Amino acid sequence: MQVDFGKTSEDYARFRAGFPESLFDRLAGHGVGLAGQQILDLGTGTGTLARGFAVRGSTVTAVDVAAEQLAQARWLDELAGVQVEYHVAPAEETGLPDDNFDVVTAGQCWHWFDRPRAAAEVARLLRPGGTLVIAHYDWLPLAGNVVELTEELILRYNPAWRLGGGTGIYPLWFRDVAEAGFTQIESFTYDEPAIYSHEAWRGRVRASAPIGGSLPPVEVAGFDADLAAALASRFPGEPLAVPHRVFALICRKV
């Protein structure tokens, strides 16, 4: 399945819920996202993590392969009154200097990378003792909930999609970082719902990889109409409290 988030960056910026404030609070307890820290955010998309750290006083650089996503990130940064330095570059080969960052983060994107190469690039970029954070904020398909309904509809339109049915926990990432030489590996996870109107949930799903990132516009429109009808029928109340899970893996460069 070919995915291009550049095609869906406007919906992505408008409707996709960013990481909750609680994640930044918890990361601060692990020494991540502090004022004055030099942070690099990989696969930044519309800058959800990057902007959150910049608001808290970190000096943030961010990279993504989609220039359209970075344009939306700059617009959102302006609204938030912060500045982030953006570069169009892949996570596996950023072109940034060695030993230059206190923290490298990857939010909602590690699975899109060539993971061994990305881990090696992180090791090159971090200062000794620096921290890598891999984070996710994933919807949870539970029996009878709005996510289950949504995933069933996604599969009708895009049977090639293979990332449904997730639990929001990523055991393979532990091996990735250990094999790249990172130490002091730890993680945390907790559930926190994301609040969406019907319109916003439709926009958030249009922004997803299997819909807006993969399908032609006519099929995206058909999906959106079907989802609108299903929400009105099955989940008429608003707003929707959509189950989500936060996952974060934290590790250090020797």
Protein backbone atom coordinates (compact mmCIF):
# COMPACT_ATOMS: atom_id res chain seq x y z
CA MET A 1 0.00 0.00 0.00
CA GLN A 2 1.55 3.28 -1.14
CA VAL A 3 1.02 6.08 1.37
CA ASP A 4 1.48 9.83 0.79
CA PHE A 5 0.50 11.97 3.76
CA GLY A 6 1.17 15.06 1.67
CA LYS A 7 -2.17 14.41 -0.07
CA THR A 8 -4.04 14.70 3.20
CA SER A 9 -2.09 17.37 5.08
CA GLU A 10 -4.97 19.86 5.37
CA ASP A 11 -7.26 17.31 7.04
CA TYR A 12 -4.30 16.08 9.07
CA ALA A 13 -3.62 19.56 10.42
CA ARG A 14 -7.28 20.44 11.07
CA PHE A 15 -8.65 17.25 12.51
CA ARG A 16 -6.06 14.81 13.80
CA ALA A 17 -5.83 15.05 17.58
CA GLY A 18 -2.28 15.62 18.71
CA PHE A 19 -0.66 14.00 21.69
CA PRO A 20 -2.39 14.89 24.96
CA GLU A 21 -0.83 17.36 27.35
CA SER A 22 -0.46 14.54 29.86
CA LEU A 23 2.22 12.92 27.68
CA PHE A 24 4.42 16.02 27.80
CA ASP A 25 3.98 16.17 31.56
CA ARG A 26 5.05 12.54 31.94
CA LEU A 27 8.00 12.96 29.60
CA ALA A 28 9.17 15.96 31.61
CA GLY A 29 9.35 13.62 34.58
CA HIS A 30 11.81 11.56 32.54
CA GLY A 31 13.91 14.63 31.73
CA VAL A 32 12.48 15.08 28.23
CA GLY A 33 11.10 18.33 26.83
CA LEU A 34 12.77 20.67 29.29
CA ALA A 35 13.42 24.34 28.63
CA GLY A 36 16.64 24.83 26.68
CA GLN A 37 16.96 21.23 25.49
CA GLN A 38 17.97 20.67 21.88
CA ILE A 39 15.33 18.31 20.46
CA LEU A 40 14.99 16.73 17.02
CA ASP A 41 11.60 15.32 15.99
CA LEU A 42 11.66 12.72 13.22
CA GLY A 43 8.72 12.18 10.87
CA THR A 44 7.16 15.26 12.40
CA GLY A 45 4.14 15.47 10.10
CA THR A 46 2.26 18.60 11.11
CA GLY A 47 4.55 19.08 14.11
CA THR A 48 2.48 17.69 16.96
CA LEU A 49 5.40 16.67 19.17
CA ALA A 50 7.74 19.37 17.92
CA ARG A 51 5.31 22.17 18.72
CA GLY A 52 4.47 20.72 22.13
CA PHE A 53 8.13 20.76 23.11
CA ALA A 54 8.65 24.26 21.67
CA VAL A 55 5.75 25.59 23.75
CA ARG A 56 7.60 24.29 26.80
CA GLY A 57 10.80 26.13 25.93
CA SER A 58 12.83 23.50 24.11
CA THR A 59 14.79 24.41 20.99
CA VAL A 60 13.29 22.14 18.35
CA THR A 61 14.34 20.95 14.91
CA ALA A 62 12.05 18.64 12.94
CA VAL A 63 12.19 16.66 9.71
CA ASP A 64 9.65 15.02 7.42
CA VAL A 65 9.66 13.75 3.85
CA ALA A 66 6.42 15.61 2.97
CA ALA A 67 6.84 19.33 2.32
CA GLU A 68 3.05 19.72 2.41
CA GLN A 69 2.99 18.46 5.99
CA LEU A 70 5.70 20.92 7.00
CA ALA A 71 3.76 23.81 5.46
CA GLN A 72 0.83 22.93 7.70
CA ALA A 73 3.19 22.58 10.68
CA ARG A 74 4.51 26.12 10.13
CA TRP A 75 0.95 27.47 10.00
CA LEU A 76 0.05 25.72 13.25
CA ASP A 77 3.27 26.97 14.86
CA GLU A 78 2.37 30.53 13.93
CA LEU A 79 -1.03 30.11 15.58
CA ALA A 80 0.69 28.74 18.69
CA GLY A 81 3.30 31.51 18.74
CA VAL A 82 6.33 29.21 18.56
CA GLN A 83 9.17 28.54 16.13
CA VAL A 84 10.51 25.19 14.98
CA GLU A 85 13.29 24.69 12.43
CA TYR A 86 11.97 22.35 9.72
CA HIS A 87 13.83 20.35 7.07
CA VAL A 88 12.52 18.12 4.30
CA ALA A 89 14.48 14.93 4.95
CA PRO A 90 13.97 11.25 5.73
CA ALA A 91 14.49 9.97 9.25
CA GLU A 92 17.14 7.54 8.02
CA GLU A 93 19.35 10.26 6.49
CA THR A 94 18.61 13.67 7.98
CA GLY A 95 21.81 15.41 6.90
CA LEU A 96 22.09 17.02 10.34
CA PRO A 97 25.34 17.16 12.36
CA ASP A 98 26.70 14.39 14.58
CA ASP A 99 26.24 14.53 18.37
CA ASN A 100 23.99 17.57 18.06
CA PHE A 101 20.84 16.83 20.09
CA ASP A 102 19.90 16.10 23.68
CA VAL A 103 16.71 14.30 22.65
CA VAL A 104 15.39 12.70 19.46
CA THR A 105 11.69 11.89 19.23
CA ALA A 106 9.50 9.93 16.81
CA GLY A 107 5.74 10.25 17.23
CA GLN A 108 3.28 8.05 15.32
CA CYS A 109 5.91 7.24 12.71
CA TRP A 110 8.50 4.63 13.73
CA HIS A 111 6.63 1.93 11.78
CA TRP A 112 7.00 3.93 8.56
CA PHE A 113 10.80 4.03 8.77
CA ASP A 114 13.53 1.61 7.77
CA ARG A 115 13.85 0.98 11.47
CA PRO A 116 17.46 -0.27 11.75
CA ARG A 117 18.69 2.64 9.63
CA ALA A 118 16.60 5.14 11.59
CA ALA A 119 17.94 3.81 14.90
CA ALA A 120 21.51 4.12 13.62
CA GLU A 121 20.83 7.69 12.49
CA VAL A 122 19.43 8.56 15.93
CA ALA A 123 22.58 7.17 17.56
CA ARG A 124 24.67 9.39 15.27
CA LEU A 125 22.63 12.50 16.02
CA LEU A 126 22.39 12.21 19.81
CA ARG A 127 25.00 13.50 22.19
CA PRO A 128 26.46 10.91 24.59
CA GLY A 129 23.82 10.23 27.22
CA GLY A 130 21.09 11.61 24.96
CA THR A 131 17.56 10.26 24.91
CA LEU A 132 15.41 8.65 22.21
CA VAL A 133 11.62 8.69 22.67
CA ILE A 134 9.28 6.68 20.43
CA ALA A 135 5.66 7.63 21.11
CA HIS A 136 2.20 6.71 19.88
CA TYR A 137 -1.35 7.88 20.52
CA ASP A 138 -3.51 5.24 18.87
CA TRP A 139 -7.23 4.70 18.55
CA LEU A 140 -8.46 1.46 20.10
CA PRO A 141 -10.94 -0.82 18.31
CA LEU A 142 -13.08 -2.40 21.03
CA ALA A 143 -16.17 -4.54 20.54
CA GLY A 144 -19.06 -2.37 19.41
CA ASN A 145 -17.23 0.97 19.59
CA VAL A 146 -16.87 3.69 16.98
CA VAL A 147 -13.32 2.64 16.13
CA GLU A 148 -14.40 -0.92 15.34
CA LEU A 149 -17.11 0.44 13.04
CA THR A 150 -14.61 2.78 11.40
CA GLU A 151 -12.01 0.06 10.80
CA GLU A 152 -14.62 -2.23 9.25
CA LEU A 153 -15.52 0.55 6.82
CA ILE A 154 -11.86 1.28 6.07
CA LEU A 155 -11.34 -2.36 5.09
CA ARG A 156 -14.31 -2.22 2.73
CA TYR A 157 -12.63 0.61 0.85
CA ASN A 158 -9.00 -0.48 1.28
CA PRO A 159 -8.64 -4.25 1.81
CA ALA A 160 -4.84 -3.89 1.54
CA TRP A 161 -4.69 -2.08 4.90
CA ARG A 162 -2.89 -4.22 7.47
CA LEU A 163 -2.64 -1.96 10.54
CA GLY A 164 -6.13 -2.37 11.98
CA GLY A 165 -6.99 -4.14 15.20
CA GLY A 166 -4.10 -2.60 17.11
CA THR A 167 -3.57 -2.56 20.85
CA GLY A 168 -1.45 0.61 20.96
CA ILE A 169 1.55 -1.30 22.35
CA TYR A 170 4.74 -1.90 20.32
CA PRO A 171 6.98 -4.71 21.60
CA LEU A 172 9.17 -4.77 18.47
CA TRP A 173 10.49 -1.27 19.17
CA PHE A 174 12.33 -2.56 22.26
CA ARG A 175 14.40 -4.89 20.10
CA ASP A 176 15.05 -2.15 17.54
CA VAL A 177 16.66 0.15 20.09
CA ALA A 178 18.53 -2.58 21.97
CA GLU A 179 20.12 -3.87 18.77
CA ALA A 180 21.17 -0.30 17.93
CA GLY A 181 23.06 -0.10 21.23
CA PHE A 182 20.67 2.00 23.31
CA THR A 183 20.45 1.29 27.04
CA GLN A 184 18.27 2.17 30.07
CA ILE A 185 15.23 1.13 28.06
CA GLU A 186 11.89 1.76 29.73
CA SER A 187 8.31 2.44 28.69
CA PHE A 188 4.92 3.53 29.91
CA THR A 189 1.39 3.30 28.59
CA TYR A 190 -1.99 4.62 29.66
CA ASP A 191 -5.41 5.26 28.15
CA GLU A 192 -6.84 8.71 27.50
CA PRO A 193 -9.79 9.25 25.15
CA ALA A 194 -9.67 11.77 22.33
CA ILE A 195 -12.76 13.96 21.96
CA TYR A 196 -14.16 14.40 18.44
CA SER A 197 -17.30 15.81 16.86
CA HIS A 198 -18.69 13.75 13.98
CA GLU A 199 -17.15 16.21 11.53
CA ALA A 200 -13.77 16.04 13.24
CA TRP A 201 -13.75 12.23 13.44
CA ARG A 202 -14.55 12.02 9.74
CA GLY A 203 -11.72 14.46 9.03
CA ARG A 204 -9.33 12.55 11.25
CA VAL A 205 -10.09 9.29 9.41
CA ARG A 206 -9.84 10.98 6.01
CA ALA A 207 -6.35 12.04 7.10
CA SER A 208 -5.33 8.45 7.86
CA ALA A 209 -2.93 6.36 5.78
CA PRO A 210 -5.50 3.87 4.39
CA ILE A 211 -7.97 6.58 3.30
CA GLY A 212 -6.64 10.04 2.38
CA GLY A 213 -3.05 8.82 2.26
CA SER A 214 -3.80 6.01 -0.21
CA LEU A 215 -7.12 6.32 -2.06
CA PRO A 216 -8.11 8.53 -5.01
CA PRO A 217 -10.34 11.52 -4.18
CA VAL A 218 -13.56 9.94 -5.45
CA GLU A 219 -13.11 6.95 -3.14
CA VAL A 220 -12.20 9.20 -0.21
CA ALA A 221 -15.48 11.08 -0.79
CA GLY A 222 -17.44 7.83 -0.93
CA PHE A 223 -15.85 6.61 2.28
CA ASP A 224 -16.56 9.91 4.02
CA ALA A 225 -20.24 9.81 3.04
CA ASP A 226 -20.59 6.24 4.29
CA LEU A 227 -18.86 7.07 7.57
CA ALA A 228 -21.11 10.10 8.08
CA ALA A 229 -24.19 7.92 7.61
CA ALA A 230 -22.86 5.21 9.93
CA LEU A 231 -22.08 7.72 12.67
CA ALA A 232 -25.54 9.27 12.41
CA SER A 233 -27.12 5.83 12.67
CA ARG A 234 -24.92 4.06 15.23
CA PHE A 235 -23.35 6.87 17.29
CA PRO A 236 -25.66 9.89 17.00
CA GLY A 237 -24.53 11.59 20.19
CA GLU A 238 -21.79 14.22 20.11
CA PRO A 239 -19.05 14.66 21.03
CA LEU A 240 -17.52 11.21 20.66
CA ALA A 241 -15.08 10.11 23.37
CA VAL A 242 -12.91 7.86 21.20
CA PRO A 243 -10.77 5.35 23.14
CA HIS A 244 -7.05 5.98 22.63
CA ARG A 245 -3.86 4.64 24.19
CA VAL A 246 -0.61 6.51 24.81
CA PHE A 247 2.59 4.47 24.48
CA ALA A 248 6.11 5.79 25.00
CA LEU A 249 9.47 4.02 24.88
CA ILE A 250 12.44 5.90 26.34
CA CYS A 251 16.09 4.89 26.02
CA ARG A 252 19.57 6.41 26.22
CA LYS A 253 22.65 6.58 24.07
CA VAL A 254 25.74 5.35 25.90
